[in-house]
C-alpha atoms as a PDB file:
ATOM      1  CA  MET A   1    -174.259   4.637   3.520  1.00  0.00           C
ATOM      2  CA  ARG A   2    -172.867   1.507   5.226  1.00  0.00           C
ATOM      3  CA  ASP A   3    -175.799   1.478   7.831  1.00  0.00           C
ATOM      4  CA  MET A   4    -178.216   1.791   4.994  1.00  0.00           C
ATOM      5  CA  MET A   5    -176.642  -1.173   3.279  1.00  0.00           C
ATOM      6  CA  TRP A   6    -177.032  -3.280   6.447  1.00  0.00           C
ATOM      7  CA  THR A   7    -180.645  -2.089   7.038  1.00  0.00           C
ATOM      8  CA  TYR A   8    -181.569  -3.026   3.449  1.00  0.00           C
ATOM      9  CA  ALA A   9    -180.083  -6.496   3.770  1.00  0.00           C
ATOM     10  CA  THR A  10    -181.826  -7.087   7.032  1.00  0.00           C
ATOM     11  CA  ILE A  11    -185.207  -5.966   5.746  1.00  0.00           C
ATOM     12  CA  LEU A  12    -184.778  -8.100   2.575  1.00  0.00           C
ATOM     13  CA  PHE A  13    -183.992 -11.078   4.695  1.00  0.00           C
ATOM     14  CA  LEU A  14    -187.001 -10.708   7.098  1.00  0.00           C
ATOM     15  CA  LEU A  15    -189.390 -10.209   4.109  1.00  0.00           C
ATOM     16  CA  SER A  16    -188.187 -13.396   2.474  1.00  0.00           C
ATOM     17  CA  GLU A  17    -188.521 -15.269   5.813  1.00  0.00           C
ATOM     18  CA  ALA A  18    -192.033 -14.079   6.253  1.00  0.00           C
ATOM     19  CA  ARG A  19    -193.077 -15.287   2.747  1.00  0.00           C
ATOM     20  CA  SER A  20    -191.216 -18.587   2.809  1.00  0.00           C
ATOM     21  CA  MET A  21    -191.011 -20.036   6.338  1.00  0.00           C
ATOM     22  CA  ASN A  22    -193.416 -22.019   8.591  1.00  0.00           C
ATOM     23  CA  PRO A  23    -191.966 -21.809  12.162  1.00  0.00           C
ATOM     24  CA  GLY A  24    -191.843 -24.947  14.269  1.00  0.00           C
ATOM     25  CA  THR A  25    -191.312 -27.519  11.433  1.00  0.00           C
ATOM     26  CA  ASN A  26    -188.068 -29.076  10.168  1.00  0.00           C
ATOM     27  CA  GLN A  27    -187.573 -28.588   6.530  1.00  0.00           C
ATOM     28  CA  ASN A  28    -184.851 -28.239   3.967  1.00  0.00           C
ATOM     29  CA  THR A  29    -186.359 -26.860   0.762  1.00  0.00           C
ATOM     30  CA  SER A  30    -184.671 -25.513  -2.339  1.00  0.00           C
ATOM     31  CA  VAL A  31    -186.400 -23.066  -4.673  1.00  0.00           C
ATOM     32  CA  ASN A  32    -185.019 -22.394  -8.139  1.00  0.00           C
ATOM     33  CA  SER A  33    -185.928 -18.920  -9.326  1.00  0.00           C
ATOM     34  CA  ASN A  34    -183.885 -19.262 -12.434  1.00  0.00           C
ATOM     35  CA  THR A  35    -181.017 -21.434 -13.780  1.00  0.00           C
ATOM     36  CA  SER A  36    -178.270 -19.307 -12.209  1.00  0.00           C
ATOM     37  CA  SER A  37    -179.817 -18.602  -8.716  1.00  0.00           C
ATOM     38  CA  THR A  38    -180.749 -20.993  -5.901  1.00  0.00           C
ATOM     39  CA  LYS A  39    -182.298 -20.347  -2.465  1.00  0.00           C
ATOM     40  CA  TYR A  40    -182.368 -22.722   0.433  1.00  0.00           C
ATOM     41  CA  PHE A  41    -184.727 -22.372   3.393  1.00  0.00           C
ATOM     42  CA  VAL A  42    -183.935 -24.517   6.456  1.00  0.00           C
ATOM     43  CA  VAL A  43    -185.737 -24.642   9.838  1.00  0.00           C
ATOM     44  CA  ARG A  44    -183.916 -26.436  12.633  1.00  0.00           C
ATOM     45  CA  ASN A  45    -184.411 -27.035  16.394  1.00  0.00           C
ATOM     46  CA  VAL A  46    -181.304 -27.507  18.536  1.00  0.00           C
ATOM     47  CA  THR A  47    -180.586 -27.783  22.241  1.00  0.00           C
ATOM     48  CA  PHE A  48    -177.323 -27.113  23.962  1.00  0.00           C
ATOM     49  CA  ASN A  49    -176.026 -27.794  27.441  1.00  0.00           C
ATOM     50  CA  LEU A  50    -175.697 -25.037  30.077  1.00  0.00           C
ATOM     51  CA  GLY A  51    -172.111 -23.694  29.903  1.00  0.00           C
ATOM     52  CA  SER A  52    -171.142 -25.286  26.703  1.00  0.00           C
ATOM     53  CA  GLU A  53    -169.470 -23.618  23.713  1.00  0.00           C
ATOM     54  CA  VAL A  54    -171.907 -23.382  20.745  1.00  0.00           C
ATOM     55  CA  ASN A  55    -171.091 -23.070  16.994  1.00  0.00           C
ATOM     56  CA  LEU A  56    -174.029 -22.329  14.599  1.00  0.00           C
ATOM     57  CA  THR A  57    -173.488 -22.625  10.860  1.00  0.00           C
ATOM     58  CA  CYS A  58    -175.411 -20.992   8.028  1.00  0.00           C
ATOM     59  CA  GLY A  59    -174.438 -22.989   4.912  1.00  0.00           C
ATOM     60  CA  ASN A  60    -171.150 -24.522   3.802  1.00  0.00           C
ATOM     61  CA  LYS A  61    -169.869 -21.820   1.508  1.00  0.00           C
ATOM     62  CA  THR A  62    -166.443 -20.287   1.953  1.00  0.00           C
ATOM     63  CA  TRP A  63    -165.532 -16.665   1.861  1.00  0.00           C
ATOM     64  CA  THR A  64    -164.212 -16.967  -1.639  1.00  0.00           C
ATOM     65  CA  ASP A  65    -167.766 -17.553  -2.838  1.00  0.00           C
ATOM     66  CA  MET A  66    -169.765 -15.618  -0.227  1.00  0.00           C
ATOM     67  CA  LEU A  67    -170.950 -11.997  -0.769  1.00  0.00           C
ATOM     68  CA  TYR A  68    -172.304 -11.355   2.811  1.00  0.00           C
ATOM     69  CA  ILE A  69    -173.772 -13.072   5.863  1.00  0.00           C
ATOM     70  CA  VAL A  70    -176.294 -11.625   8.335  1.00  0.00           C
ATOM     71  CA  TRP A  71    -177.480 -13.180  11.688  1.00  0.00           C
ATOM     72  CA  ASN A  72    -180.673 -11.606  13.119  1.00  0.00           C
ATOM     73  CA  ILE A  73    -181.194 -12.943  16.674  1.00  0.00           C
ATOM     74  CA  ASP A  74    -184.382 -12.742  18.719  1.00  0.00           C
ATOM     75  CA  LEU A  75    -183.446 -13.619  22.199  1.00  0.00           C
ATOM     76  CA  HIS A  76    -186.200 -14.842  24.669  1.00  0.00           C
ATOM     77  CA  TYR A  77    -184.399 -13.004  27.495  1.00  0.00           C
ATOM     78  CA  ARG A  78    -186.249  -9.713  27.781  1.00  0.00           C
ATOM     79  CA  ASN A  79    -187.166 -10.077  24.113  1.00  0.00           C
ATOM     80  CA  ARG A  80    -183.929  -8.581  22.970  1.00  0.00           C
ATOM     81  CA  LEU A  81    -183.039  -8.233  19.310  1.00  0.00           C
ATOM     82  CA  CYS A  82    -179.485  -7.951  17.898  1.00  0.00           C
ATOM     83  CA  LEU A  83    -177.622  -8.366  14.653  1.00  0.00           C
ATOM     84  CA  ILE A  84    -174.311  -9.768  13.598  1.00  0.00           C
ATOM     85  CA  GLY A  85    -173.134  -9.516   9.940  1.00  0.00           C
ATOM     86  CA  PHE A  86    -170.056  -9.414   7.749  1.00  0.00           C
ATOM     87  CA  ARG A  87    -169.427  -8.119   4.227  1.00  0.00           C
ATOM     88  CA  ASN A  88    -166.296  -7.326   2.327  1.00  0.00           C
ATOM     89  CA  TYR A  89    -164.082  -7.479   5.380  1.00  0.00           C
ATOM     90  CA  ASP A  90    -166.488  -5.137   7.246  1.00  0.00           C
ATOM     91  CA  GLY A  91    -168.252  -6.569  10.256  1.00  0.00           C
ATOM     92  CA  ARG A  92    -171.047  -5.371  12.457  1.00  0.00           C
ATOM     93  CA  ASN A  93    -172.152  -6.718  15.938  1.00  0.00           C
ATOM     94  CA  THR A  94    -174.839  -5.217  18.052  1.00  0.00           C
ATOM     95  CA  CYS A  95    -175.179  -8.217  20.394  1.00  0.00           C
ATOM     96  CA  LYS A  96    -172.067  -7.597  22.497  1.00  0.00           C
ATOM     97  CA  ASN A  97    -172.716 -10.525  24.798  1.00  0.00           C
ATOM     98  CA  GLY A  98    -170.067 -13.120  23.885  1.00  0.00           C
ATOM     99  CA  LYS A  99    -171.407 -13.836  20.315  1.00  0.00           C
ATOM    100  CA  SER A 100    -169.107 -13.338  17.294  1.00  0.00           C
ATOM    101  CA  LEU A 101    -168.518 -14.480  13.779  1.00  0.00           C
ATOM    102  CA  ARG A 102    -165.594 -16.839  13.258  1.00  0.00           C
ATOM    103  CA  ASN A 103    -164.079 -18.768  10.314  1.00  0.00           C
ATOM    104  CA  THR A 104    -162.847 -22.320  10.217  1.00  0.00           C
ATOM    105  CA  SER A 105    -159.491 -23.341   8.804  1.00  0.00           C
ATOM    106  CA  SER A 106    -161.195 -23.882   5.499  1.00  0.00           C
ATOM    107  CA  ALA A 107    -162.661 -20.224   5.498  1.00  0.00           C
ATOM    108  CA  GLN A 108    -166.201 -21.337   6.330  1.00  0.00           C
ATOM    109  CA  SER A 109    -168.191 -18.937   8.538  1.00  0.00           C
ATOM    110  CA  TYR A 110    -169.902 -19.819  11.790  1.00  0.00           C
ATOM    111  CA  LEU A 111    -171.486 -17.970  14.734  1.00  0.00           C
ATOM    112  CA  ARG A 112    -169.662 -18.677  18.126  1.00  0.00           C
ATOM    113  CA  ILE A 113    -171.512 -18.453  21.461  1.00  0.00           C
ATOM    114  CA  GLN A 114    -169.262 -18.843  24.550  1.00  0.00           C
ATOM    115  CA  ASN A 115    -170.578 -20.237  27.759  1.00  0.00           C
ATOM    116  CA  PHE A 116    -174.076 -20.853  26.621  1.00  0.00           C
ATOM    117  CA  SER A 117    -176.628 -19.687  29.190  1.00  0.00           C
ATOM    118  CA  GLU A 118    -180.364 -18.923  29.580  1.00  0.00           C
ATOM    119  CA  ASN A 119    -179.714 -15.520  28.014  1.00  0.00           C
ATOM    120  CA  ASP A 120    -178.772 -17.126  24.733  1.00  0.00           C
ATOM    121  CA  VAL A 121    -181.988 -19.021  24.205  1.00  0.00           C
ATOM    122  CA  GLY A 122    -184.014 -17.746  21.271  1.00  0.00           C
ATOM    123  CA  LEU A 123    -184.553 -17.682  17.512  1.00  0.00           C
ATOM    124  CA  TYR A 124    -181.390 -17.328  15.240  1.00  0.00           C
ATOM    125  CA  MET A 125    -182.181 -16.336  11.675  1.00  0.00           C
ATOM    126  CA  CYS A 126    -179.374 -16.276   9.171  1.00  0.00           C
ATOM    127  CA  GLU A 127    -179.018 -15.311   5.569  1.00  0.00           C
ATOM    128  CA  SER A 128    -175.857 -15.918   3.637  1.00  0.00           C
ATOM    129  CA  VAL A 129    -175.640 -14.768   0.044  1.00  0.00           C
ATOM    130  CA  TYR A 130    -173.045 -16.140  -2.373  1.00  0.00           C
ATOM    131  CA  ARG A 131    -172.415 -16.218  -6.028  1.00  0.00           C
ATOM    132  CA  GLY A 132    -175.314 -18.108  -7.615  1.00  0.00           C
ATOM    133  CA  GLY A 133    -177.712 -18.156  -4.701  1.00  0.00           C
ATOM    134  CA  ALA A 134    -178.595 -17.658  -1.071  1.00  0.00           C
ATOM    135  CA  GLU A 135    -179.197 -19.805   2.075  1.00  0.00           C
ATOM    136  CA  ASN A 136    -181.672 -18.944   4.810  1.00  0.00           C
ATOM    137  CA  TYR A 137    -181.797 -20.620   8.222  1.00  0.00           C
ATOM    138  CA  GLU A 138    -184.227 -20.469  11.025  1.00  0.00           C
ATOM    139  CA  ILE A 139    -182.625 -22.030  14.109  1.00  0.00           C
ATOM    140  CA  HIS A 140    -184.678 -22.378  17.299  1.00  0.00           C
ATOM    141  CA  VAL A 141    -182.131 -22.652  20.034  1.00  0.00           C
ATOM    142  CA  GLY A 142    -182.999 -24.157  23.410  1.00  0.00           C
ATOM    143  CA  ILE A 143    -180.967 -25.138  26.614  1.00  0.00           C
ATOM    144  CA  THR A 144    -180.579 -28.186  28.710  1.00  0.00           C
ATOM    145  CA  VAL A 145    -180.121 -27.454  32.407  1.00  0.00           C
ATOM    146  CA  PRO A 146    -179.194 -30.166  34.984  1.00  0.00           C
ATOM    147  CA  PRO A 147    -181.926 -30.702  37.607  1.00  0.00           C
ATOM    148  CA  ASN A 148    -181.561 -30.183  41.368  1.00  0.00           C
ATOM    149  CA  ILE A 149    -181.561 -33.602  42.900  1.00  0.00           C
ATOM    150  CA  SER A 150    -181.989 -34.876  46.448  1.00  0.00           C
ATOM    151  CA  ALA A 151    -182.765 -38.066  48.448  1.00  0.00           C
ATOM    152  CA  TRP A 152    -183.666 -38.870  51.913  1.00  0.00           C
ATOM    153  CA  LEU A 153    -185.467 -41.378  54.343  1.00  0.00           C
ATOM    154  CA  GLU A 154    -188.602 -40.607  56.255  1.00  0.00           C
ATOM    155  CA  SER A 155    -191.307 -42.430  58.371  1.00  0.00           C
ATOM    156  CA  LYS A 156    -194.913 -42.788  57.412  1.00  0.00           C
ATOM    157  CA  ASP A 157    -197.486 -44.899  59.284  1.00  0.00           C
ATOM    158  CA  ASN A 158    -194.619 -46.655  61.184  1.00  0.00           C
ATOM    159  CA  LYS A 159    -193.042 -47.537  57.866  1.00  0.00           C
ATOM    160  CA  MET A 160    -189.761 -46.348  56.407  1.00  0.00           C
ATOM    161  CA  VAL A 161    -190.037 -44.532  53.030  1.00  0.00           C
ATOM    162  CA  ALA A 162    -187.232 -43.561  50.663  1.00  0.00           C
ATOM    163  CA  VAL A 163    -187.824 -40.375  48.714  1.00  0.00           C
ATOM    164  CA  CYS A 164    -185.899 -39.129  45.587  1.00  0.00           C
ATOM    165  CA  THR A 165    -186.526 -35.866  43.821  1.00  0.00           C
ATOM    166  CA  ALA A 166    -185.340 -34.056  40.611  1.00  0.00           C
ATOM    167  CA  GLN A 167    -186.366 -30.446  39.744  1.00  0.00           C
ATOM    168  CA  GLY A 168    -185.219 -28.683  36.695  1.00  0.00           C
ATOM    169  CA  ARG A 169    -186.221 -27.496  33.119  1.00  0.00           C
ATOM    170  CA  LYS A 170    -187.188 -29.669  30.329  1.00  0.00           C
ATOM    171  CA  PRO A 171    -186.603 -32.426  29.537  1.00  0.00           C
ATOM    172  CA  ALA A 172    -187.680 -34.330  32.710  1.00  0.00           C
ATOM    173  CA  ALA A 173    -185.287 -36.530  34.524  1.00  0.00           C
ATOM    174  CA  ASN A 174    -185.802 -40.288  34.917  1.00  0.00           C
ATOM    175  CA  ILE A 175    -185.644 -41.777  38.514  1.00  0.00           C
ATOM    176  CA  SER A 176    -185.153 -45.454  39.473  1.00  0.00           C
ATOM    177  CA  TRP A 177    -184.058 -47.457  42.536  1.00  0.00           C
ATOM    178  CA  SER A 178    -181.324 -50.049  43.062  1.00  0.00           C
ATOM    179  CA  HIS A 179    -183.688 -52.244  45.199  1.00  0.00           C
ATOM    180  CA  MET A 180    -187.450 -52.649  44.989  1.00  0.00           C
ATOM    181  CA  GLY A 181    -189.701 -52.185  48.003  1.00  0.00           C
ATOM    182  CA  ASN A 182    -193.475 -52.906  48.626  1.00  0.00           C
ATOM    183  CA  SER A 183    -194.557 -50.159  46.347  1.00  0.00           C
ATOM    184  CA  SER A 184    -193.239 -47.226  44.314  1.00  0.00           C
ATOM    185  CA  ILE A 185    -195.168 -43.982  43.676  1.00  0.00           C
ATOM    186  CA  VAL A 186    -193.841 -41.401  41.112  1.00  0.00           C
ATOM    187  CA  LYS A 187    -195.397 -37.936  41.159  1.00  0.00           C
ATOM    188  CA  THR A 188    -194.689 -35.429  38.400  1.00  0.00           C
ATOM    189  CA  MET A 189    -195.523 -31.714  38.634  1.00  0.00           C
ATOM    190  CA  ILE A 190    -195.089 -29.418  35.578  1.00  0.00           C
ATOM    191  CA  GLY A 191    -194.833 -25.657  36.000  1.00  0.00           C
ATOM    192  CA  SER A 192    -194.464 -22.853  33.601  1.00  0.00           C
ATOM    193  CA  GLU A 193    -190.773 -23.643  33.241  1.00  0.00           C
ATOM    194  CA  ASP A 194    -189.688 -26.275  35.711  1.00  0.00           C
ATOM    195  CA  ILE A 195    -190.599 -29.962  36.053  1.00  0.00           C
ATOM    196  CA  PHE A 196    -190.625 -31.466  39.488  1.00  0.00           C
ATOM    197  CA  ILE A 197    -190.403 -35.255  39.839  1.00  0.00           C
ATOM    198  CA  GLU A 198    -190.706 -37.172  43.128  1.00  0.00           C
ATOM    199  CA  SER A 199    -190.361 -40.870  43.517  1.00  0.00           C
ATOM    200  CA  ARG A 200    -191.370 -42.510  46.876  1.00  0.00           C
ATOM    201  CA  LEU A 201    -190.341 -46.081  47.696  1.00  0.00           C
ATOM    202  CA  GLU A 202    -191.886 -47.937  50.679  1.00  0.00           C
ATOM    203  CA  LEU A 203    -189.249 -50.144  52.094  1.00  0.00           C
ATOM    204  CA  LEU A 204    -189.564 -53.793  53.163  1.00  0.00           C
ATOM    205  CA  GLU A 205    -189.269 -54.362  56.931  1.00  0.00           C
ATOM    206  CA  GLY A 206    -185.744 -54.945  57.996  1.00  0.00           C
ATOM    207  CA  MET A 207    -184.314 -53.784  54.723  1.00  0.00           C
ATOM    208  CA  ASP A 208    -180.671 -52.559  54.832  1.00  0.00           C
ATOM    209  CA  THR A 209    -180.877 -48.958  53.785  1.00  0.00           C
ATOM    210  CA  GLU A 210    -177.041 -48.742  53.441  1.00  0.00           C
ATOM    211  CA  ASN A 211    -177.273 -50.666  50.118  1.00  0.00           C
ATOM    212  CA  LEU A 212    -180.284 -48.619  48.824  1.00  0.00           C
ATOM    213  CA  SER A 213    -179.621 -45.990  46.193  1.00  0.00           C
ATOM    214  CA  CYS A 214    -181.517 -43.664  43.917  1.00  0.00           C
ATOM    215  CA  ILE A 215    -180.513 -43.475  40.325  1.00  0.00           C
ATOM    216  CA  ILE A 216    -181.155 -40.341  38.237  1.00  0.00           C
ATOM    217  CA  ARG A 217    -180.690 -39.994  34.423  1.00  0.00           C
ATOM    218  CA  HIS A 218    -180.853 -36.771  32.477  1.00  0.00           C
ATOM    219  CA  PRO A 219    -179.595 -35.749  28.959  1.00  0.00           C
ATOM    220  CA  PHE A 220    -177.268 -33.088  30.537  1.00  0.00           C
ATOM    221  CA  TRP A 221    -175.147 -35.770  32.143  1.00  0.00           C
ATOM    222  CA  LYS A 222    -173.238 -38.340  30.282  1.00  0.00           C
ATOM    223  CA  ASP A 223    -173.318 -40.777  33.269  1.00  0.00           C
ATOM    224  CA  GLU A 224    -176.129 -41.404  35.688  1.00  0.00           C
ATOM    225  CA  GLN A 225    -176.190 -39.769  39.124  1.00  0.00           C
ATOM    226  CA  ILE A 226    -176.483 -42.039  42.111  1.00  0.00           C
ATOM    227  CA  LEU A 227    -177.698 -40.839  45.579  1.00  0.00           C
ATOM    228  CA  VAL A 228    -177.849 -42.745  48.838  1.00  0.00           C
ATOM    229  CA  PRO A 229    -180.817 -41.625  50.837  1.00  0.00           C
ATOM    230  CA  LYS A 230    -180.091 -40.647  54.508  1.00  0.00           C
ATOM    231  CA  LEU A 231    -182.343 -39.637  57.388  1.00  0.00           C
ATOM    232  CA  LYS A 232    -183.307 -35.980  57.074  1.00  0.00           C
ATOM    233  CA  LYS A 233    -181.655 -33.605  59.466  1.00  0.00           C
ATOM    234  CA  GLY A 234    -183.926 -33.143  62.517  1.00  0.00           C
ATOM    235  CA  PHE A 235    -185.963 -36.280  61.788  1.00  0.00           C
ATOM    236  CA  VAL A 236    -185.703 -39.006  64.565  1.00  0.00           C
ATOM    237  CA  PRO A 237    -188.044 -42.081  64.215  1.00  0.00           C
ATOM    238  CA  TRP A 238    -189.675 -43.557  67.365  1.00  0.00           C
ATOM    239  CA  LEU A 239    -187.294 -46.611  67.234  1.00  0.00           C
ATOM    240  CA  TYR A 240    -184.298 -44.320  67.475  1.00  0.00           C
ATOM    241  CA  ILE A 241    -185.951 -42.329  70.304  1.00  0.00           C
ATOM    242  CA  LEU A 242    -186.556 -45.602  72.322  1.00  0.00           C
ATOM    243  CA  THR A 243    -183.024 -46.689  71.760  1.00  0.00           C
ATOM    244  CA  VAL A 244    -181.619 -43.418  72.969  1.00  0.00           C
ATOM    245  CA  VAL A 245    -183.827 -43.514  76.009  1.00  0.00           C
ATOM    246  CA  VAL A 246    -182.663 -47.047  77.019  1.00  0.00           C
ATOM    247  CA  ILE A 247    -179.068 -46.055  76.593  1.00  0.00           C
ATOM    248  CA  ILE A 248    -179.411 -42.900  78.798  1.00  0.00           C
ATOM    249  CA  MET A 249    -181.118 -45.041  81.559  1.00  0.00           C
ATOM    250  CA  LEU A 250    -178.334 -47.614  81.513  1.00  0.00           C
ATOM    251  CA  LEU A 251    -175.731 -44.895  81.639  1.00  0.00           C
ATOM    252  CA  ALA A 252    -177.546 -43.219  84.570  1.00  0.00           C
ATOM    253  CA  GLY A 253    -177.690 -46.537  86.477  1.00  0.00           C
ATOM    254  CA  VAL A 254    -173.998 -47.223  86.011  1.00  0.00           C
ATOM    255  CA  LEU A 255    -173.204 -43.716  87.032  1.00  0.00           C
ATOM    256  CA  PHE A 256    -175.398 -44.020  90.201  1.00  0.00           C
ATOM    257  CA  TYR A 257    -173.753 -47.349  91.150  1.00  0.00           C
ATOM    258  CA  ALA A 258    -170.271 -45.974  90.562  1.00  0.00           C
ATOM    259  CA  GLN A 259    -170.965 -42.878  92.629  1.00  0.00           C
ATOM    260  CA  LYS A 260    -172.362 -44.913  95.583  1.00  0.00           C
ATOM    261  CA  LYS A 261    -169.297 -47.274  95.414  1.00  0.00           C
ATOM    262  CA  LEU A 262    -166.974 -44.298  95.480  1.00  0.00           C
ATOM    263  CA  ILE A 263    -168.690 -42.855  98.551  1.00  0.00           C
ATOM    264  CA  THR A 264    -168.310 -46.241 100.402  1.00  0.00           C
ATOM    265  CA  LEU A 265    -164.666 -46.477  99.557  1.00  0.00           C
ATOM    266  CA  ARG A 266    -163.946 -42.903 100.790  1.00  0.00           C
ATOM    267  CA  ARG A 267    -165.674 -43.705 104.213  1.00  0.00           C
ATOM    268  CA  CYS A 268    -163.616 -46.948 104.621  1.00  0.00           C
ATOM    269  CA  LYS A 269    -160.473 -45.037 103.833  1.00  0.00           C
ATOM    270  CA  GLN A 270    -161.216 -42.245 106.303  1.00  0.00           C
ATOM    271  CA  SER A 271    -161.863 -44.769 109.201  1.00  0.00           C
ATOM    272  CA  GLU A 272    -158.601 -46.547 108.443  1.00  0.00           C
ATOM    273  CA  THR A 273    -156.456 -43.360 108.507  1.00  0.00           C
ATOM    274  CA  SER A 274    -158.084 -41.676 111.659  1.00  0.00           C
ATOM    275  CA  PRO A 275    -155.833 -41.741 114.959  1.00  0.00           C
ATOM    276  CA  SER A 276    -156.577 -44.357 117.766  1.00  0.00           C
ATOM    277  CA  LYS A 277    -158.632 -43.053 120.639  1.00  0.00           C
ATOM    278  CA  SER A 278    -156.827 -42.644 124.119  1.00  0.00           C
ATOM    279  CA  PRO A 279    -158.560 -44.341 127.109  1.00  0.00           C
ATOM    280  CA  PRO A 280    -160.950 -42.149 128.996  1.00  0.00           C
ATOM    281  CA  THR A 281    -159.593 -40.250 132.049  1.00  0.00           C
ATOM    282  CA  GLU A 282    -161.680 -40.128 135.191  1.00  0.00           C
ATOM    283  CA  ASP A 283    -162.834 -36.931 136.475  1.00  0.00           C
ATOM    284  CA  MET A 284    -160.491 -35.745 139.180  1.00  0.00           C
ATOM    285  CA  GLU A 285    -163.352 -34.281 141.236  1.00  0.00           C
ATOM    286  CA  GLU A 286    -164.973 -37.792 141.449  1.00  0.00           C
ATOM    287  CA  VAL A 287    -161.665 -39.757 142.150  1.00  0.00           C
ATOM    288  CA  GLU A 288    -160.243 -37.578 144.871  1.00  0.00           C
ATOM    289  CA  PRO A 289    -163.077 -38.099 147.595  1.00  0.00           C
ATOM    290  CA  TYR A 290    -162.934 -41.944 147.044  1.00  0.00           C
ATOM    291  CA  ALA A 291    -159.213 -41.864 147.471  1.00  0.00           C
ATOM    292  CA  SER A 292    -159.373 -39.915 150.780  1.00  0.00           C
ATOM    293  CA  TYR A 293    -162.155 -42.240 152.023  1.00  0.00           C
ATOM    294  CA  VAL A 294    -159.994 -45.388 151.391  1.00  0.00           C
ATOM    295  CA  GLN A 295    -157.082 -43.636 152.984  1.00  0.00           C
ATOM    296  CA  ARG A 296    -159.156 -43.033 156.233  1.00  0.00           C
ATOM    297  CA  VAL A 297    -160.398 -46.593 156.294  1.00  0.00           C
ATOM    298  CA  ASN A 298    -156.921 -47.903 156.053  1.00  0.00           C
ATOM    299  CA  SER A 299    -155.689 -45.697 158.858  1.00  0.00           C
ATOM    300  CA  ILE A 300    -158.487 -46.825 161.092  1.00  0.00           C
ATOM    301  CA  TYR A 301    -157.834 -50.517 160.319  1.00  0.00           C
ATOM    302  CA  ASN A 302    -154.125 -50.058 161.061  1.00  0.00           C
ATOM    303  CA  SER A 303    -154.907 -48.483 164.422  1.00  0.00           C
ATOM    304  CA  SER A 304    -157.303 -51.245 165.386  1.00  0.00           C
ATOM    305  CA  VAL A 305    -154.622 -53.755 164.632  1.00  0.00           C
ATOM    306  CA  GLU A 306    -152.010 -51.953 166.749  1.00  0.00           C
ATOM    307  CA  LEU A 307    -154.374 -52.027 169.785  1.00  0.00           C
ATOM    308  CA  PHE A 308    -154.958 -55.790 169.573  1.00  0.00           C
ATOM    309  CA  THR A 309    -151.265 -56.584 169.151  1.00  0.00           C
END
């Protein structure tokens, strides 16, 4: 019996929505069917930040005046349908993904969504019936996701170019630079879901890139995001290559000179520490015949002297 009651309430709500609503327009219209009954039909478009806590209201009546409230939710994620309702202290929830009915301190009902994500985007239709009338809401709920941002420096036609990009869902980000160059080119690419924005700034010759920054603004952030572009990893411009080559050649020259000087010092040290050479000794075989010859001459001379004396 209880399921039939919920089914009847849901069907009645959908039929009234089909007759009375024009999706995609903002309106707040009241229709008086008689002096004691009033119906309000409201269409609203809202957007929430990724990861935020969302509270959706369906009128401002309190539970003392309300008879029942039903939320029919059509989620874009996999076209999923679910229902959340409450009547006479009896609740029903087929969503089971972090959505629940809550009451404020003043007993006003609201739908709470914790940690809002892509899976919660969709159409939220609500009907609240109270004594004396009813309120119907069609709320188109969207999401704001921060873009992926990056910045770098690159060389093009022997000129330095600063690049800044932002890729994400709608709305699009806004990109600006802290310094102006020769020219700035902004390219925007819109896909089925994502928006890609690229800003290229041609730098003036001799410009100090340390003081250059890319400024990105997006509704998701309260403050602007600032990026300082750096040379891309693996990118080495010709000027840096030339500088590295010169440094390597200088180091090689210094190393060669130092090595040559070290070899010379080692040779000098070895010559100073080597023992002194002894005088050469004559070959005994050559000295002995000469000595015997001198001895014979001396003996003959001595004999001659003795004969004449």
